[in-house]
Amino acid sequence: MSSAVHTDTYADTDTDAPRHGHRFLLIGKKTVFSYHLPLYYVPVHAFQLITTFGLPDQLRTLYLADLAEHEDQQVYYSLFTEGHWPLSEIVDGTRTSLPVELERVTVDAQGARTFTPLLPAVDATCRKQDVVHYLPLDPEGGYPDYLTCLAFGRDDEVHLAHQLAAAPNWDEVITTVNPQGFRPTDLAPAATLTVPSIKDAHGVLPKSPLTTGTTYEGRIGERTVSFAAGRQGWWNNTSLNSK
């Protein structure tokens, strides 16, 4: 594997060997979820997909240890897998494994992202029954009235991914603190949650509309849930919208 550090690229570009593939953000501790990094205008990446992979113990242990050291920093973690194969292969069960490389994603003061390899490629397994959300992006879709997220997780560990309804937009995943009222059926498959106190921006935001530590009420159907905004596991308001 190349040891090069890649800055603010989705398809890695190494001066010696161009590399292109999918990236999945690692979200969670007790159960580690994988969130595909979507791009509106690159057809092979124009999907929101949330699943769990069967991760080798070595990778899981390294991810959790490194996360513990950077818990209070704007640091994310991703899996890179080479090749522009269709994500539908995971969803329909024709792909059952993939080689993944663990990366630490750091963000500088200007917002540029750097992907630093932490572990060479190891095999992860995937099962179609572990997919909790899969939907193509529609740049021409209509914006919702209020902030709308996808709720996913397991037990008391609940995460929210911003639902990408139209372009331009921003991509964000957070882990909640003290989630109340969520049911297992809200998390798998991922339920749609609205936050009536926050108007949808109908465009790109420079930072998250959710303030860390603040408690919010949300709606899943006719039911009220609540959560405090916790650690941000991903943020992108640039390459998501690039043509």
C-alpha atoms as a PDB file:
ATOM      1  CA  MET A   1       0.000   0.000   0.000  1.00  0.00           C
ATOM      2  CA  SER A   2       1.154   3.533  -0.684  1.00  0.00           C
ATOM      3  CA  SER A   3       2.047   5.441   2.475  1.00  0.00           C
ATOM      4  CA  ALA A   4       1.219   8.764   0.870  1.00  0.00           C
ATOM      5  CA  VAL A   5      -0.958  11.247   2.706  1.00  0.00           C
ATOM      6  CA  HIS A   6      -3.829  12.469   0.548  1.00  0.00           C
ATOM      7  CA  THR A   7      -5.241  15.948   1.060  1.00  0.00           C
ATOM      8  CA  ASP A   8      -8.891  16.803   0.422  1.00  0.00           C
ATOM      9  CA  THR A   9      -9.495  14.216  -2.266  1.00  0.00           C
ATOM     10  CA  TYR A  10     -12.249  11.642  -2.513  1.00  0.00           C
ATOM     11  CA  ALA A  11     -10.684   9.407  -5.142  1.00  0.00           C
ATOM     12  CA  ASP A  12      -7.114   9.220  -3.865  1.00  0.00           C
ATOM     13  CA  THR A  13      -4.482  10.474  -6.253  1.00  0.00           C
ATOM     14  CA  ASP A  14      -0.909   9.317  -5.697  1.00  0.00           C
ATOM     15  CA  THR A  15       1.783  10.696  -7.994  1.00  0.00           C
ATOM     16  CA  ASP A  16       3.092   7.176  -8.596  1.00  0.00           C
ATOM     17  CA  ALA A  17      -0.161   5.228  -8.846  1.00  0.00           C
ATOM     18  CA  PRO A  18      -3.588   6.882  -9.149  1.00  0.00           C
ATOM     19  CA  ARG A  19      -6.097   5.146  -6.888  1.00  0.00           C
ATOM     20  CA  HIS A  20      -9.848   5.435  -7.026  1.00  0.00           C
ATOM     21  CA  GLY A  21     -12.431   3.879  -4.784  1.00  0.00           C
ATOM     22  CA  HIS A  22     -15.136   4.216  -2.152  1.00  0.00           C
ATOM     23  CA  ARG A  23     -14.766   5.702   1.307  1.00  0.00           C
ATOM     24  CA  PHE A  24     -16.877   4.795   4.323  1.00  0.00           C
ATOM     25  CA  LEU A  25     -16.838   6.787   7.564  1.00  0.00           C
ATOM     26  CA  LEU A  26     -16.585   4.778  10.764  1.00  0.00           C
ATOM     27  CA  ILE A  27     -19.258   5.822  13.245  1.00  0.00           C
ATOM     28  CA  GLY A  28     -19.802   4.472  16.749  1.00  0.00           C
ATOM     29  CA  LYS A  29     -17.973   2.472  19.397  1.00  0.00           C
ATOM     30  CA  LYS A  30     -20.061  -0.428  20.675  1.00  0.00           C
ATOM     31  CA  THR A  31     -21.339  -1.174  17.193  1.00  0.00           C
ATOM     32  CA  VAL A  32     -19.230   0.359  14.436  1.00  0.00           C
ATOM     33  CA  PHE A  33     -21.300   1.576  11.494  1.00  0.00           C
ATOM     34  CA  SER A  34     -19.976   2.504   8.063  1.00  0.00           C
ATOM     35  CA  TYR A  35     -21.386   5.549   6.260  1.00  0.00           C
ATOM     36  CA  HIS A  36     -20.571   5.855   2.554  1.00  0.00           C
ATOM     37  CA  LEU A  37     -19.230   9.267   1.526  1.00  0.00           C
ATOM     38  CA  PRO A  38     -21.629  10.500  -1.153  1.00  0.00           C
ATOM     39  CA  LEU A  39     -20.970  12.861  -4.080  1.00  0.00           C
ATOM     40  CA  TYR A  40     -23.934  14.299  -5.949  1.00  0.00           C
ATOM     41  CA  TYR A  41     -22.344  14.510  -9.378  1.00  0.00           C
ATOM     42  CA  VAL A  42     -20.234  11.335  -9.504  1.00  0.00           C
ATOM     43  CA  PRO A  43     -22.718   8.598 -10.441  1.00  0.00           C
ATOM     44  CA  VAL A  44     -20.896   5.722  -8.719  1.00  0.00           C
ATOM     45  CA  HIS A  45     -20.853   7.736  -5.461  1.00  0.00           C
ATOM     46  CA  ALA A  46     -24.286   9.375  -5.698  1.00  0.00           C
ATOM     47  CA  PHE A  47     -25.807   7.305  -2.879  1.00  0.00           C
ATOM     48  CA  GLN A  48     -26.355   7.543   0.847  1.00  0.00           C
ATOM     49  CA  LEU A  49     -25.583   4.107   2.264  1.00  0.00           C
ATOM     50  CA  ILE A  50     -25.297   3.076   5.915  1.00  0.00           C
ATOM     51  CA  THR A  51     -24.292  -0.441   6.896  1.00  0.00           C
ATOM     52  CA  THR A  52     -22.099  -2.453   9.236  1.00  0.00           C
ATOM     53  CA  PHE A  53     -19.074  -4.395   8.035  1.00  0.00           C
ATOM     54  CA  GLY A  54     -17.479  -7.369   9.710  1.00  0.00           C
ATOM     55  CA  LEU A  55     -14.210  -5.699  10.730  1.00  0.00           C
ATOM     56  CA  PRO A  56     -11.073  -7.601  11.747  1.00  0.00           C
ATOM     57  CA  ASP A  57     -10.166  -7.222  15.428  1.00  0.00           C
ATOM     58  CA  GLN A  58      -6.889  -5.500  14.511  1.00  0.00           C
ATOM     59  CA  LEU A  59      -8.677  -2.722  12.624  1.00  0.00           C
ATOM     60  CA  ARG A  60     -11.432  -2.279  15.195  1.00  0.00           C
ATOM     61  CA  THR A  61      -8.931  -2.110  18.072  1.00  0.00           C
ATOM     62  CA  LEU A  62      -6.736   0.440  16.274  1.00  0.00           C
ATOM     63  CA  TYR A  63      -9.734   2.606  15.337  1.00  0.00           C
ATOM     64  CA  LEU A  64     -11.091   2.705  18.898  1.00  0.00           C
ATOM     65  CA  ALA A  65      -7.661   3.414  20.417  1.00  0.00           C
ATOM     66  CA  ASP A  66      -6.923   6.233  17.984  1.00  0.00           C
ATOM     67  CA  LEU A  67     -10.410   7.690  18.449  1.00  0.00           C
ATOM     68  CA  ALA A  68      -9.877   7.740  22.218  1.00  0.00           C
ATOM     69  CA  GLU A  69      -6.734   9.828  21.707  1.00  0.00           C
ATOM     70  CA  HIS A  70      -8.515  12.354  19.436  1.00  0.00           C
ATOM     71  CA  GLU A  71     -12.009  12.373  20.944  1.00  0.00           C
ATOM     72  CA  ASP A  72     -12.100  16.154  21.427  1.00  0.00           C
ATOM     73  CA  GLN A  73     -10.585  17.089  18.057  1.00  0.00           C
ATOM     74  CA  GLN A  74     -12.058  17.486  14.578  1.00  0.00           C
ATOM     75  CA  VAL A  75     -10.786  14.092  13.512  1.00  0.00           C
ATOM     76  CA  TYR A  76     -12.737  11.528  11.512  1.00  0.00           C
ATOM     77  CA  TYR A  77     -12.039   7.919  10.522  1.00  0.00           C
ATOM     78  CA  SER A  78     -12.642   6.277   7.182  1.00  0.00           C
ATOM     79  CA  LEU A  79     -12.238   3.000   5.351  1.00  0.00           C
ATOM     80  CA  PHE A  80     -10.884   3.222   1.811  1.00  0.00           C
ATOM     81  CA  THR A  81     -11.575   0.383  -0.609  1.00  0.00           C
ATOM     82  CA  GLU A  82     -10.115   0.487  -4.081  1.00  0.00           C
ATOM     83  CA  GLY A  83     -12.235   0.271  -7.231  1.00  0.00           C
ATOM     84  CA  HIS A  84     -15.353   1.985  -8.569  1.00  0.00           C
ATOM     85  CA  TRP A  85     -17.664  -1.014  -8.217  1.00  0.00           C
ATOM     86  CA  PRO A  86     -21.428  -0.444  -7.790  1.00  0.00           C
ATOM     87  CA  LEU A  87     -22.583  -0.044  -4.205  1.00  0.00           C
ATOM     88  CA  SER A  88     -25.642  -2.081  -5.163  1.00  0.00           C
ATOM     89  CA  GLU A  89     -23.377  -5.134  -4.902  1.00  0.00           C
ATOM     90  CA  ILE A  90     -23.478  -4.723  -1.112  1.00  0.00           C
ATOM     91  CA  VAL A  91     -27.226  -4.178  -1.060  1.00  0.00           C
ATOM     92  CA  ASP A  92     -28.171  -7.136  -3.259  1.00  0.00           C
ATOM     93  CA  GLY A  93     -25.673  -9.494  -1.623  1.00  0.00           C
ATOM     94  CA  THR A  94     -23.478 -10.192  -4.652  1.00  0.00           C
ATOM     95  CA  ARG A  95     -20.477  -8.738  -2.777  1.00  0.00           C
ATOM     96  CA  THR A  96     -19.683 -10.412   0.525  1.00  0.00           C
ATOM     97  CA  SER A  97     -16.216  -8.993   1.294  1.00  0.00           C
ATOM     98  CA  LEU A  98     -13.952  -6.088   0.425  1.00  0.00           C
ATOM     99  CA  PRO A  99     -10.386  -5.016   1.248  1.00  0.00           C
ATOM    100  CA  VAL A 100     -10.368  -1.877   3.417  1.00  0.00           C
ATOM    101  CA  GLU A 101      -7.630   0.482   4.597  1.00  0.00           C
ATOM    102  CA  LEU A 102      -8.114   2.436   7.821  1.00  0.00           C
ATOM    103  CA  GLU A 103      -7.460   6.194   7.593  1.00  0.00           C
ATOM    104  CA  ARG A 104      -7.460   9.087  10.027  1.00  0.00           C
ATOM    105  CA  VAL A 105      -9.057  12.199   8.493  1.00  0.00           C
ATOM    106  CA  THR A 106      -7.833  15.517   9.901  1.00  0.00           C
ATOM    107  CA  VAL A 107      -9.107  18.981   9.068  1.00  0.00           C
ATOM    108  CA  ASP A 108      -6.992  22.136   9.074  1.00  0.00           C
ATOM    109  CA  ALA A 109      -8.036  25.722   9.887  1.00  0.00           C
ATOM    110  CA  GLN A 110      -9.035  26.302   6.255  1.00  0.00           C
ATOM    111  CA  GLY A 111     -11.191  23.183   6.184  1.00  0.00           C
ATOM    112  CA  ALA A 112      -8.882  21.087   3.998  1.00  0.00           C
ATOM    113  CA  ARG A 113      -9.054  17.363   4.788  1.00  0.00           C
ATOM    114  CA  THR A 114      -6.011  15.086   4.972  1.00  0.00           C
ATOM    115  CA  PHE A 115      -6.410  11.292   4.790  1.00  0.00           C
ATOM    116  CA  THR A 116      -3.574   9.563   6.659  1.00  0.00           C
ATOM    117  CA  PRO A 117      -3.269   5.760   6.325  1.00  0.00           C
ATOM    118  CA  LEU A 118      -3.237   3.931   9.673  1.00  0.00           C
ATOM    119  CA  LEU A 119      -3.503   0.319   8.529  1.00  0.00           C
ATOM    120  CA  PRO A 120      -2.831  -1.458   5.209  1.00  0.00           C
ATOM    121  CA  ALA A 121      -5.629  -3.302   3.487  1.00  0.00           C
ATOM    122  CA  VAL A 122      -7.374  -6.059   5.438  1.00  0.00           C
ATOM    123  CA  ASP A 123     -10.511  -7.967   4.475  1.00  0.00           C
ATOM    124  CA  ALA A 124     -13.895  -6.909   5.835  1.00  0.00           C
ATOM    125  CA  THR A 125     -17.105  -8.835   5.295  1.00  0.00           C
ATOM    126  CA  CYS A 126     -20.450  -7.384   4.270  1.00  0.00           C
ATOM    127  CA  ARG A 127     -23.997  -8.746   4.337  1.00  0.00           C
ATOM    128  CA  LYS A 128     -27.052  -7.323   2.653  1.00  0.00           C
ATOM    129  CA  GLN A 129     -29.095  -7.759   5.860  1.00  0.00           C
ATOM    130  CA  ASP A 130     -26.756  -5.324   7.654  1.00  0.00           C
ATOM    131  CA  VAL A 131     -27.645  -2.409   5.346  1.00  0.00           C
ATOM    132  CA  VAL A 132     -29.833   0.042   7.290  1.00  0.00           C
ATOM    133  CA  HIS A 133     -30.169   2.692   4.579  1.00  0.00           C
ATOM    134  CA  TYR A 134     -29.560   2.901   0.833  1.00  0.00           C
ATOM    135  CA  LEU A 135     -30.934   5.619  -1.441  1.00  0.00           C
ATOM    136  CA  PRO A 136     -29.708   7.341  -4.622  1.00  0.00           C
ATOM    137  CA  LEU A 137     -29.115  11.080  -4.378  1.00  0.00           C
ATOM    138  CA  ASP A 138     -31.385  13.373  -6.398  1.00  0.00           C
ATOM    139  CA  PRO A 139     -29.860  16.842  -6.990  1.00  0.00           C
ATOM    140  CA  GLU A 140     -33.249  18.057  -8.200  1.00  0.00           C
ATOM    141  CA  GLY A 141     -35.180  16.767  -5.215  1.00  0.00           C
ATOM    142  CA  GLY A 142     -37.161  19.129  -3.031  1.00  0.00           C
ATOM    143  CA  TYR A 143     -35.744  20.553   0.182  1.00  0.00           C
ATOM    144  CA  PRO A 144     -37.708  19.766   3.377  1.00  0.00           C
ATOM    145  CA  ASP A 145     -39.101  22.506   5.605  1.00  0.00           C
ATOM    146  CA  TYR A 146     -37.042  21.496   8.634  1.00  0.00           C
ATOM    147  CA  LEU A 147     -33.723  19.840   9.383  1.00  0.00           C
ATOM    148  CA  THR A 148     -34.154  16.199   8.440  1.00  0.00           C
ATOM    149  CA  CYS A 149     -31.837  13.373   9.466  1.00  0.00           C
ATOM    150  CA  LEU A 150     -31.521   9.612   9.219  1.00  0.00           C
ATOM    151  CA  ALA A 151     -31.468   7.936  12.646  1.00  0.00           C
ATOM    152  CA  PHE A 152     -29.385   4.787  12.974  1.00  0.00           C
ATOM    153  CA  GLY A 153     -27.468   2.897  15.631  1.00  0.00           C
ATOM    154  CA  ARG A 154     -28.051   0.200  18.193  1.00  0.00           C
ATOM    155  CA  ASP A 155     -29.315   0.209  21.785  1.00  0.00           C
ATOM    156  CA  ASP A 156     -28.309   3.491  23.503  1.00  0.00           C
ATOM    157  CA  GLU A 157     -25.855   4.533  20.774  1.00  0.00           C
ATOM    158  CA  VAL A 158     -27.849   6.616  18.293  1.00  0.00           C
ATOM    159  CA  HIS A 159     -26.361   8.501  15.338  1.00  0.00           C
ATOM    160  CA  LEU A 160     -27.876  11.042  12.957  1.00  0.00           C
ATOM    161  CA  ALA A 161     -26.869  11.559   9.326  1.00  0.00           C
ATOM    162  CA  HIS A 162     -28.158  14.638   7.522  1.00  0.00           C
ATOM    163  CA  GLN A 163     -30.618  13.446   4.882  1.00  0.00           C
ATOM    164  CA  LEU A 164     -29.435  14.688   1.486  1.00  0.00           C
ATOM    165  CA  ALA A 165     -32.671  15.726  -0.176  1.00  0.00           C
ATOM    166  CA  ALA A 166     -31.385  18.121  -2.866  1.00  0.00           C
ATOM    167  CA  ALA A 167     -28.254  19.895  -4.082  1.00  0.00           C
ATOM    168  CA  PRO A 168     -26.379  21.916  -3.055  1.00  0.00           C
ATOM    169  CA  ASN A 169     -26.259  20.644   0.502  1.00  0.00           C
ATOM    170  CA  TRP A 170     -24.026  19.677   3.410  1.00  0.00           C
ATOM    171  CA  ASP A 171     -23.149  16.190   4.626  1.00  0.00           C
ATOM    172  CA  GLU A 172     -22.875  15.516   8.359  1.00  0.00           C
ATOM    173  CA  VAL A 173     -22.988  12.611  10.793  1.00  0.00           C
ATOM    174  CA  ILE A 174     -23.161  13.081  14.571  1.00  0.00           C
ATOM    175  CA  THR A 175     -23.453  10.776  17.549  1.00  0.00           C
ATOM    176  CA  THR A 176     -26.174  11.788  19.981  1.00  0.00           C
ATOM    177  CA  VAL A 177     -25.906  12.051  23.769  1.00  0.00           C
ATOM    178  CA  ASN A 178     -28.723  10.878  26.065  1.00  0.00           C
ATOM    179  CA  PRO A 179     -31.125   9.864  23.276  1.00  0.00           C
ATOM    180  CA  GLN A 180     -34.679   9.451  24.582  1.00  0.00           C
ATOM    181  CA  GLY A 181     -37.700   7.831  22.952  1.00  0.00           C
ATOM    182  CA  PHE A 182     -35.888   5.991  20.164  1.00  0.00           C
ATOM    183  CA  ARG A 183     -37.024   2.457  19.402  1.00  0.00           C
ATOM    184  CA  PRO A 184     -35.028  -0.361  17.763  1.00  0.00           C
ATOM    185  CA  THR A 185     -37.332  -0.086  14.742  1.00  0.00           C
ATOM    186  CA  ASP A 186     -36.268   3.576  14.378  1.00  0.00           C
ATOM    187  CA  LEU A 187     -32.632   2.572  13.877  1.00  0.00           C
ATOM    188  CA  ALA A 188     -32.809  -0.383  11.500  1.00  0.00           C
ATOM    189  CA  PRO A 189     -33.871   0.494   8.912  1.00  0.00           C
ATOM    190  CA  ALA A 190     -32.869   4.095   9.482  1.00  0.00           C
ATOM    191  CA  ALA A 191     -35.891   6.248  10.262  1.00  0.00           C
ATOM    192  CA  THR A 192     -36.443   9.808   9.073  1.00  0.00           C
ATOM    193  CA  LEU A 193     -36.219  12.303  11.941  1.00  0.00           C
ATOM    194  CA  THR A 194     -37.141  15.975  11.705  1.00  0.00           C
ATOM    195  CA  VAL A 195     -36.082  18.758  14.076  1.00  0.00           C
ATOM    196  CA  PRO A 196     -38.961  21.296  13.984  1.00  0.00           C
ATOM    197  CA  SER A 197     -36.944  23.977  15.789  1.00  0.00           C
ATOM    198  CA  ILE A 198     -34.411  24.205  12.927  1.00  0.00           C
ATOM    199  CA  LYS A 199     -35.443  25.407   9.481  1.00  0.00           C
ATOM    200  CA  ASP A 200     -33.780  23.654   6.572  1.00  0.00           C
ATOM    201  CA  ALA A 201     -31.176  25.916   4.971  1.00  0.00           C
ATOM    202  CA  HIS A 202     -32.228  24.988   1.403  1.00  0.00           C
ATOM    203  CA  GLY A 203     -28.556  25.084   0.450  1.00  0.00           C
ATOM    204  CA  VAL A 204     -25.050  24.862   1.881  1.00  0.00           C
ATOM    205  CA  LEU A 205     -24.206  25.733   5.480  1.00  0.00           C
ATOM    206  CA  PRO A 206     -20.743  26.823   6.688  1.00  0.00           C
ATOM    207  CA  LYS A 207     -21.095  24.811   9.904  1.00  0.00           C
ATOM    208  CA  SER A 208     -23.474  22.399  11.582  1.00  0.00           C
ATOM    209  CA  PRO A 209     -26.928  23.685  12.589  1.00  0.00           C
ATOM    210  CA  LEU A 210     -26.678  21.402  15.643  1.00  0.00           C
ATOM    211  CA  THR A 211     -24.742  22.819  18.582  1.00  0.00           C
ATOM    212  CA  THR A 212     -22.726  20.281  20.542  1.00  0.00           C
ATOM    213  CA  GLY A 213     -24.180  19.802  24.017  1.00  0.00           C
ATOM    214  CA  THR A 214     -27.563  21.333  23.157  1.00  0.00           C
ATOM    215  CA  THR A 215     -30.677  19.195  23.587  1.00  0.00           C
ATOM    216  CA  TYR A 216     -33.223  19.047  20.763  1.00  0.00           C
ATOM    217  CA  GLU A 217     -36.660  17.553  20.270  1.00  0.00           C
ATOM    218  CA  GLY A 218     -37.219  15.601  17.090  1.00  0.00           C
ATOM    219  CA  ARG A 219     -40.119  13.858  15.405  1.00  0.00           C
ATOM    220  CA  ILE A 220     -40.245  10.366  13.969  1.00  0.00           C
ATOM    221  CA  GLY A 221     -43.662  10.191  12.392  1.00  0.00           C
ATOM    222  CA  GLU A 222     -46.059  11.455  15.044  1.00  0.00           C
ATOM    223  CA  ARG A 223     -43.771  10.520  17.921  1.00  0.00           C
ATOM    224  CA  THR A 224     -41.443  12.863  19.836  1.00  0.00           C
ATOM    225  CA  VAL A 225     -37.865  11.887  20.620  1.00  0.00           C
ATOM    226  CA  SER A 226     -35.060  13.921  22.149  1.00  0.00           C
ATOM    227  CA  PHE A 227     -31.278  13.981  22.017  1.00  0.00           C
ATOM    228  CA  ALA A 228     -28.289  16.165  22.714  1.00  0.00           C
ATOM    229  CA  ALA A 229     -25.860  16.796  19.873  1.00  0.00           C
ATOM    230  CA  GLY A 230     -22.600  14.988  20.495  1.00  0.00           C
ATOM    231  CA  ARG A 231     -19.415  14.253  18.605  1.00  0.00           C
ATOM    232  CA  GLN A 232     -19.334  15.044  14.893  1.00  0.00           C
ATOM    233  CA  GLY A 233     -18.255  11.989  12.907  1.00  0.00           C
ATOM    234  CA  TRP A 234     -18.197  13.673   9.498  1.00  0.00           C
ATOM    235  CA  TRP A 235     -18.687  17.035   7.790  1.00  0.00           C
ATOM    236  CA  ASN A 236     -18.509  17.964   4.091  1.00  0.00           C
ATOM    237  CA  ASN A 237     -19.953  20.998   2.319  1.00  0.00           C
ATOM    238  CA  THR A 238     -17.447  21.124  -0.573  1.00  0.00           C
ATOM    239  CA  SER A 239     -16.708  18.004  -2.644  1.00  0.00           C
ATOM    240  CA  LEU A 240     -20.239  16.759  -2.002  1.00  0.00           C
ATOM    241  CA  ASN A 241     -21.480  19.447  -4.400  1.00  0.00           C
ATOM    242  CA  SER A 242     -18.576  19.574  -6.885  1.00  0.00           C
ATOM    243  CA  LYS A 243     -19.373  19.059 -10.571  1.00  0.00           C
END
